[in-house]
Amino acid sequence: MEEKIKEKIDDIRVFLNIEGGDIEYIKYEDGYVYVKLLGACANCSYIDVTIKDTIESYLQEEIPEIKGVINVEL
């Protein structure tokens, strides 16, 4: 499951990189994917929209077992 998630995150990364951002996979646990947004995405006022409408929606479409995506601020 983790390899599948990482592949899909790599797909998303391309689009985030265009805007000066990036995404780091942290873990998959109890149906939730934990990520950390980096670069321009980390401080963007649209971070919640990016998580829900872009990352979460894409991952759930590709991997229906995913319940949600959580941004981790380390």
PDB file of N, CA and C in Angstrom:
ATOM      1  N   MET A   1       0.830  -1.200   0.000  1.00  0.00           N
ATOM      2  CA  MET A   1       0.000   0.000   0.000  1.00  0.00           C
ATOM      3  C   MET A   1       0.874   1.264   0.000  1.00  0.00           C
ATOM      4  N   GLU A   2       1.933   1.252   0.814  1.00  0.00           N
ATOM      5  CA  GLU A   2       2.789   2.438   0.886  1.00  0.00           C
ATOM      6  C   GLU A   2       3.436   2.761  -0.460  1.00  0.00           C
ATOM      7  N   GLU A   3       3.868   1.754  -1.188  1.00  0.00           N
ATOM      8  CA  GLU A   3       4.494   1.992  -2.493  1.00  0.00           C
ATOM      9  C   GLU A   3       3.503   2.630  -3.468  1.00  0.00           C
ATOM     10  N   LYS A   4       2.267   2.144  -3.427  1.00  0.00           N
ATOM     11  CA  LYS A   4       1.212   2.691  -4.270  1.00  0.00           C
ATOM     12  C   LYS A   4       0.976   4.177  -3.944  1.00  0.00           C
ATOM     13  N   ILE A   5       0.919   4.479  -2.653  1.00  0.00           N
ATOM     14  CA  ILE A   5       0.706   5.857  -2.195  1.00  0.00           C
ATOM     15  C   ILE A   5       1.867   6.738  -2.631  1.00  0.00           C
ATOM     16  N   LYS A   6       3.086   6.250  -2.448  1.00  0.00           N
ATOM     17  CA  LYS A   6       4.268   7.030  -2.825  1.00  0.00           C
ATOM     18  C   LYS A   6       4.283   7.328  -4.325  1.00  0.00           C
ATOM     19  N   GLU A   7       3.861   6.370  -5.136  1.00  0.00           N
ATOM     20  CA  GLU A   7       3.791   6.588  -6.588  1.00  0.00           C
ATOM     21  C   GLU A   7       2.817   7.717  -6.920  1.00  0.00           C
ATOM     22  N   LYS A   8       1.668   7.698  -6.264  1.00  0.00           N
ATOM     23  CA  LYS A   8       0.653   8.723  -6.521  1.00  0.00           C
ATOM     24  C   LYS A   8       1.095  10.093  -6.002  1.00  0.00           C
ATOM     25  N   ILE A   9       1.805  10.099  -4.892  1.00  0.00           N
ATOM     26  CA  ILE A   9       2.339  11.356  -4.363  1.00  0.00           C
ATOM     27  C   ILE A   9       3.369  11.933  -5.333  1.00  0.00           C
ATOM     28  N   ASP A  10       4.147  11.066  -5.960  1.00  0.00           N
ATOM     29  CA  ASP A  10       5.106  11.539  -6.968  1.00  0.00           C
ATOM     30  C   ASP A  10       4.384  12.206  -8.135  1.00  0.00           C
ATOM     31  N   ASP A  11       3.201  11.701  -8.488  1.00  0.00           N
ATOM     32  CA  ASP A  11       2.394  12.332  -9.542  1.00  0.00           C
ATOM     33  C   ASP A  11       1.988  13.747  -9.127  1.00  0.00           C
ATOM     34  N   ILE A  12       1.583  13.898  -7.888  1.00  0.00           N
ATOM     35  CA  ILE A  12       1.147  15.190  -7.355  1.00  0.00           C
ATOM     36  C   ILE A  12       2.331  16.146  -7.237  1.00  0.00           C
ATOM     37  N   ARG A  13       3.471  15.620  -6.842  1.00  0.00           N
ATOM     38  CA  ARG A  13       4.676  16.428  -6.621  1.00  0.00           C
ATOM     39  C   ARG A  13       5.011  17.307  -7.836  1.00  0.00           C
ATOM     40  N   VAL A  14       4.837  16.761  -9.014  1.00  0.00           N
ATOM     41  CA  VAL A  14       5.141  17.501 -10.246  1.00  0.00           C
ATOM     42  C   VAL A  14       4.393  18.834 -10.272  1.00  0.00           C
ATOM     43  N   PHE A  15       3.129  18.819  -9.921  1.00  0.00           N
ATOM     44  CA  PHE A  15       2.316  20.033  -9.949  1.00  0.00           C
ATOM     45  C   PHE A  15       2.686  20.989  -8.823  1.00  0.00           C
ATOM     46  N   LEU A  16       3.014  20.453  -7.658  1.00  0.00           N
ATOM     47  CA  LEU A  16       3.422  21.308  -6.543  1.00  0.00           C
ATOM     48  C   LEU A  16       4.759  21.973  -6.832  1.00  0.00           C
ATOM     49  N   ASN A  17       5.671  21.242  -7.466  1.00  0.00           N
ATOM     50  CA  ASN A  17       6.984  21.794  -7.813  1.00  0.00           C
ATOM     51  C   ASN A  17       6.874  22.994  -8.741  1.00  0.00           C
ATOM     52  N   ILE A  18       5.899  22.977  -9.630  1.00  0.00           N
ATOM     53  CA  ILE A  18       5.691  24.095 -10.564  1.00  0.00           C
ATOM     54  C   ILE A  18       5.426  25.388  -9.797  1.00  0.00           C
ATOM     55  N   GLU A  19       4.737  25.264  -8.658  1.00  0.00           N
ATOM     56  CA  GLU A  19       4.390  26.439  -7.845  1.00  0.00           C
ATOM     57  C   GLU A  19       5.436  26.733  -6.767  1.00  0.00           C
ATOM     58  N   GLY A  20       6.554  26.007  -6.782  1.00  0.00           N
ATOM     59  CA  GLY A  20       7.610  26.240  -5.790  1.00  0.00           C
ATOM     60  C   GLY A  20       7.419  25.444  -4.513  1.00  0.00           C
ATOM     61  N   GLY A  21       6.521  24.474  -4.530  1.00  0.00           N
ATOM     62  CA  GLY A  21       6.273  23.672  -3.339  1.00  0.00           C
ATOM     63  C   GLY A  21       6.730  22.236  -3.515  1.00  0.00           C
ATOM     64  N   ASP A  22       6.491  21.451  -2.489  1.00  0.00           N
ATOM     65  CA  ASP A  22       6.837  20.033  -2.536  1.00  0.00           C
ATOM     66  C   ASP A  22       6.005  19.313  -1.478  1.00  0.00           C
ATOM     67  N   ILE A  23       6.064  17.997  -1.516  1.00  0.00           N
ATOM     68  CA  ILE A  23       5.323  17.174  -0.574  1.00  0.00           C
ATOM     69  C   ILE A  23       6.214  16.022  -0.137  1.00  0.00           C
ATOM     70  N   GLU A  24       6.164  15.718   1.149  1.00  0.00           N
ATOM     71  CA  GLU A  24       6.930  14.600   1.697  1.00  0.00           C
ATOM     72  C   GLU A  24       5.957  13.592   2.300  1.00  0.00           C
ATOM     73  N   TYR A  25       6.083  12.341   1.913  1.00  0.00           N
ATOM     74  CA  TYR A  25       5.278  11.268   2.494  1.00  0.00           C
ATOM     75  C   TYR A  25       5.835  10.958   3.875  1.00  0.00           C
ATOM     76  N   ILE A  26       4.969  10.891   4.874  1.00  0.00           N
ATOM     77  CA  ILE A  26       5.396  10.563   6.237  1.00  0.00           C
ATOM     78  C   ILE A  26       5.031   9.114   6.566  1.00  0.00           C
ATOM     79  N   LYS A  27       3.721   8.787   6.488  1.00  0.00           N
ATOM     80  CA  LYS A  27       3.300   7.420   6.801  1.00  0.00           C
ATOM     81  C   LYS A  27       1.856   7.189   6.376  1.00  0.00           C
ATOM     82  N   TYR A  28       1.470   5.924   6.388  1.00  0.00           N
ATOM     83  CA  TYR A  28       0.082   5.515   6.155  1.00  0.00           C
ATOM     84  C   TYR A  28      -0.338   4.733   7.377  1.00  0.00           C
ATOM     85  N   GLU A  29      -1.434   5.168   8.019  1.00  0.00           N
ATOM     86  CA  GLU A  29      -1.862   4.510   9.257  1.00  0.00           C
ATOM     87  C   GLU A  29      -3.374   4.624   9.415  1.00  0.00           C
ATOM     88  N   ASP A  30      -4.013   3.494   9.655  1.00  0.00           N
ATOM     89  CA  ASP A  30      -5.460   3.447   9.895  1.00  0.00           C
ATOM     90  C   ASP A  30      -6.283   4.114   8.791  1.00  0.00           C
ATOM     91  N   GLY A  31      -5.821   3.971   7.547  1.00  0.00           N
ATOM     92  CA  GLY A  31      -6.551   4.533   6.416  1.00  0.00           C
ATOM     93  C   GLY A  31      -6.207   5.972   6.086  1.00  0.00           C
ATOM     94  N   TYR A  32      -5.342   6.588   6.876  1.00  0.00           N
ATOM     95  CA  TYR A  32      -4.966   7.988   6.656  1.00  0.00           C
ATOM     96  C   TYR A  32      -3.532   8.104   6.166  1.00  0.00           C
ATOM     97  N   VAL A  33      -3.337   9.014   5.215  1.00  0.00           N
ATOM     98  CA  VAL A  33      -2.013   9.297   4.685  1.00  0.00           C
ATOM     99  C   VAL A  33      -1.517  10.573   5.359  1.00  0.00           C
ATOM    100  N   TYR A  34      -0.346  10.492   5.944  1.00  0.00           N
ATOM    101  CA  TYR A  34       0.268  11.640   6.604  1.00  0.00           C
ATOM    102  C   TYR A  34       1.361  12.181   5.697  1.00  0.00           C
ATOM    103  N   VAL A  35       1.281  13.476   5.396  1.00  0.00           N
ATOM    104  CA  VAL A  35       2.247  14.126   4.529  1.00  0.00           C
ATOM    105  C   VAL A  35       2.700  15.430   5.172  1.00  0.00           C
ATOM    106  N   LYS A  36       3.774  15.970   4.630  1.00  0.00           N
ATOM    107  CA  LYS A  36       4.233  17.292   5.053  1.00  0.00           C
ATOM    108  C   LYS A  36       4.422  18.108   3.787  1.00  0.00           C
ATOM    109  N   LEU A  37       3.751  19.256   3.718  1.00  0.00           N
ATOM    110  CA  LEU A  37       3.927  20.150   2.587  1.00  0.00           C
ATOM    111  C   LEU A  37       5.139  21.031   2.852  1.00  0.00           C
ATOM    112  N   LEU A  38       5.943  21.227   1.798  1.00  0.00           N
ATOM    113  CA  LEU A  38       7.203  21.944   1.922  1.00  0.00           C
ATOM    114  C   LEU A  38       7.261  23.114   0.942  1.00  0.00           C
ATOM    115  N   GLY A  39       8.274  23.944   1.106  1.00  0.00           N
ATOM    116  CA  GLY A  39       8.484  25.061   0.194  1.00  0.00           C
ATOM    117  C   GLY A  39       7.335  26.046   0.243  1.00  0.00           C
ATOM    118  N   ALA A  40       6.962  26.558  -0.913  1.00  0.00           N
ATOM    119  CA  ALA A  40       5.890  27.553  -0.997  1.00  0.00           C
ATOM    120  C   ALA A  40       4.570  27.003  -0.460  1.00  0.00           C
ATOM    121  N   CYS A  41       4.351  25.708  -0.579  1.00  0.00           N
ATOM    122  CA  CYS A  41       3.090  25.105  -0.116  1.00  0.00           C
ATOM    123  C   CYS A  41       2.956  25.139   1.415  1.00  0.00           C
ATOM    124  N   ALA A  42       4.064  25.100   2.117  1.00  0.00           N
ATOM    125  CA  ALA A  42       4.028  25.061   3.581  1.00  0.00           C
ATOM    126  C   ALA A  42       3.443  26.327   4.178  1.00  0.00           C
ATOM    127  N   ASN A  43       3.636  27.455   3.509  1.00  0.00           N
ATOM    128  CA  ASN A  43       3.178  28.740   4.041  1.00  0.00           C
ATOM    129  C   ASN A  43       2.033  29.350   3.250  1.00  0.00           C
ATOM    130  N   CYS A  44       1.486  28.589   2.336  1.00  0.00           N
ATOM    131  CA  CYS A  44       0.428  29.094   1.467  1.00  0.00           C
ATOM    132  C   CYS A  44      -0.896  29.205   2.235  1.00  0.00           C
ATOM    133  N   SER A  45      -1.637  30.266   1.944  1.00  0.00           N
ATOM    134  CA  SER A  45      -2.929  30.444   2.612  1.00  0.00           C
ATOM    135  C   SER A  45      -3.975  29.443   2.115  1.00  0.00           C
ATOM    136  N   TYR A  46      -3.682  28.743   1.017  1.00  0.00           N
ATOM    137  CA  TYR A  46      -4.602  27.754   0.469  1.00  0.00           C
ATOM    138  C   TYR A  46      -4.200  26.326   0.830  1.00  0.00           C
ATOM    139  N   ILE A  47      -3.433  26.157   1.880  1.00  0.00           N
ATOM    140  CA  ILE A  47      -2.918  24.831   2.247  1.00  0.00           C
ATOM    141  C   ILE A  47      -4.053  23.833   2.491  1.00  0.00           C
ATOM    142  N   ASP A  48      -5.119  24.260   3.158  1.00  0.00           N
ATOM    143  CA  ASP A  48      -6.242  23.355   3.438  1.00  0.00           C
ATOM    144  C   ASP A  48      -6.940  22.932   2.148  1.00  0.00           C
ATOM    145  N   VAL A  49      -7.068  23.859   1.221  1.00  0.00           N
ATOM    146  CA  VAL A  49      -7.689  23.559  -0.071  1.00  0.00           C
ATOM    147  C   VAL A  49      -6.804  22.574  -0.844  1.00  0.00           C
ATOM    148  N   THR A  50      -5.514  22.808  -0.820  1.00  0.00           N
ATOM    149  CA  THR A  50      -4.575  21.906  -1.504  1.00  0.00           C
ATOM    150  C   THR A  50      -4.662  20.504  -0.938  1.00  0.00           C
ATOM    151  N   ILE A  51      -4.723  20.403   0.391  1.00  0.00           N
ATOM    152  CA  ILE A  51      -4.809  19.079   1.033  1.00  0.00           C
ATOM    153  C   ILE A  51      -6.111  18.391   0.643  1.00  0.00           C
ATOM    154  N   LYS A  52      -7.239  19.031   0.856  1.00  0.00           N
ATOM    155  CA  LYS A  52      -8.549  18.396   0.640  1.00  0.00           C
ATOM    156  C   LYS A  52      -8.911  18.236  -0.835  1.00  0.00           C
ATOM    157  N   ASP A  53      -8.858  19.338  -1.569  1.00  0.00           N
ATOM    158  CA  ASP A  53      -9.375  19.333  -2.941  1.00  0.00           C
ATOM    159  C   ASP A  53      -8.405  18.767  -3.976  1.00  0.00           C
ATOM    160  N   THR A  54      -7.136  18.757  -3.658  1.00  0.00           N
ATOM    161  CA  THR A  54      -6.169  18.264  -4.633  1.00  0.00           C
ATOM    162  C   THR A  54      -5.582  16.923  -4.202  1.00  0.00           C
ATOM    163  N   ILE A  55      -4.854  16.928  -3.106  1.00  0.00           N
ATOM    164  CA  ILE A  55      -4.122  15.729  -2.693  1.00  0.00           C
ATOM    165  C   ILE A  55      -5.074  14.629  -2.234  1.00  0.00           C
ATOM    166  N   GLU A  56      -5.946  14.942  -1.289  1.00  0.00           N
ATOM    167  CA  GLU A  56      -6.861  13.929  -0.761  1.00  0.00           C
ATOM    168  C   GLU A  56      -7.798  13.390  -1.844  1.00  0.00           C
ATOM    169  N   SER A  57      -8.370  14.281  -2.620  1.00  0.00           N
ATOM    170  CA  SER A  57      -9.318  13.844  -3.639  1.00  0.00           C
ATOM    171  C   SER A  57      -8.637  12.958  -4.684  1.00  0.00           C
ATOM    172  N   TYR A  58      -7.421  13.311  -5.098  1.00  0.00           N
ATOM    173  CA  TYR A  58      -6.691  12.490  -6.074  1.00  0.00           C
ATOM    174  C   TYR A  58      -6.333  11.125  -5.487  1.00  0.00           C
ATOM    175  N   LEU A  59      -5.814  11.115  -4.282  1.00  0.00           N
ATOM    176  CA  LEU A  59      -5.425   9.841  -3.673  1.00  0.00           C
ATOM    177  C   LEU A  59      -6.632   8.926  -3.457  1.00  0.00           C
ATOM    178  N   GLN A  60      -7.753   9.485  -3.020  1.00  0.00           N
ATOM    179  CA  GLN A  60      -8.957   8.670  -2.805  1.00  0.00           C
ATOM    180  C   GLN A  60      -9.513   8.139  -4.114  1.00  0.00           C
ATOM    181  N   GLU A  61      -9.384   8.911  -5.161  1.00  0.00           N
ATOM    182  CA  GLU A  61      -9.845   8.459  -6.472  1.00  0.00           C
ATOM    183  C   GLU A  61      -8.991   7.289  -6.968  1.00  0.00           C
ATOM    184  N   GLU A  62      -7.695   7.376  -6.735  1.00  0.00           N
ATOM    185  CA  GLU A  62      -6.767   6.348  -7.194  1.00  0.00           C
ATOM    186  C   GLU A  62      -6.701   5.140  -6.256  1.00  0.00           C
ATOM    187  N   ILE A  63      -6.867   5.406  -4.945  1.00  0.00           N
ATOM    188  CA  ILE A  63      -6.774   4.348  -3.926  1.00  0.00           C
ATOM    189  C   ILE A  63      -7.960   4.519  -2.973  1.00  0.00           C
ATOM    190  N   PRO A  64      -9.091   3.880  -3.273  1.00  0.00           N
ATOM    191  CA  PRO A  64     -10.325   4.084  -2.492  1.00  0.00           C
ATOM    192  C   PRO A  64     -10.222   3.748  -0.996  1.00  0.00           C
ATOM    193  N   GLU A  65      -9.251   2.970  -0.596  1.00  0.00           N
ATOM    194  CA  GLU A  65      -9.103   2.607   0.828  1.00  0.00           C
ATOM    195  C   GLU A  65      -8.674   3.785   1.697  1.00  0.00           C
ATOM    196  N   ILE A  66      -8.187   4.839   1.076  1.00  0.00           N
ATOM    197  CA  ILE A  66      -7.718   6.002   1.832  1.00  0.00           C
ATOM    198  C   ILE A  66      -8.914   6.793   2.363  1.00  0.00           C
ATOM    199  N   LYS A  67      -8.903   7.024   3.684  1.00  0.00           N
ATOM    200  CA  LYS A  67      -9.986   7.771   4.340  1.00  0.00           C
ATOM    201  C   LYS A  67      -9.738   9.277   4.310  1.00  0.00           C
ATOM    202  N   GLY A  68      -8.469   9.665   4.293  1.00  0.00           N
ATOM    203  CA  GLY A  68      -8.143  11.087   4.311  1.00  0.00           C
ATOM    204  C   GLY A  68      -6.663  11.323   4.289  1.00  0.00           C
ATOM    205  N   VAL A  69      -6.308  12.604   4.196  1.00  0.00           N
ATOM    206  CA  VAL A  69      -4.908  13.034   4.185  1.00  0.00           C
ATOM    207  C   VAL A  69      -4.719  14.057   5.295  1.00  0.00           C
ATOM    208  N   ILE A  70      -3.662  13.897   6.054  1.00  0.00           N
ATOM    209  CA  ILE A  70      -3.366  14.794   7.173  1.00  0.00           C
ATOM    210  C   ILE A  70      -2.013  15.423   6.939  1.00  0.00           C
ATOM    211  N   ASN A  71      -1.966  16.754   7.004  1.00  0.00           N
ATOM    212  CA  ASN A  71      -0.705  17.474   6.891  1.00  0.00           C
ATOM    213  C   ASN A  71      -0.051  17.534   8.261  1.00  0.00           C
ATOM    214  N   VAL A  72       1.181  17.112   8.325  1.00  0.00           N
ATOM    215  CA  VAL A  72       1.943  17.084   9.581  1.00  0.00           C
ATOM    216  C   VAL A  72       2.927  18.232   9.565  1.00  0.00           C
ATOM    217  N   GLU A  73       2.924  19.003  10.620  1.00  0.00           N
ATOM    218  CA  GLU A  73       3.898  20.092  10.749  1.00  0.00           C
ATOM    219  C   GLU A  73       4.942  19.646  11.741  1.00  0.00           C
ATOM    220  N   LEU A  74       6.107  19.255  11.232  1.00  0.00           N
ATOM    221  CA  LEU A  74       7.189  18.755  12.099  1.00  0.00           C
ATOM    222  C   LEU A  74       8.104  19.866  12.539  1.00  0.00           C
TER     223      LEU A  74
END
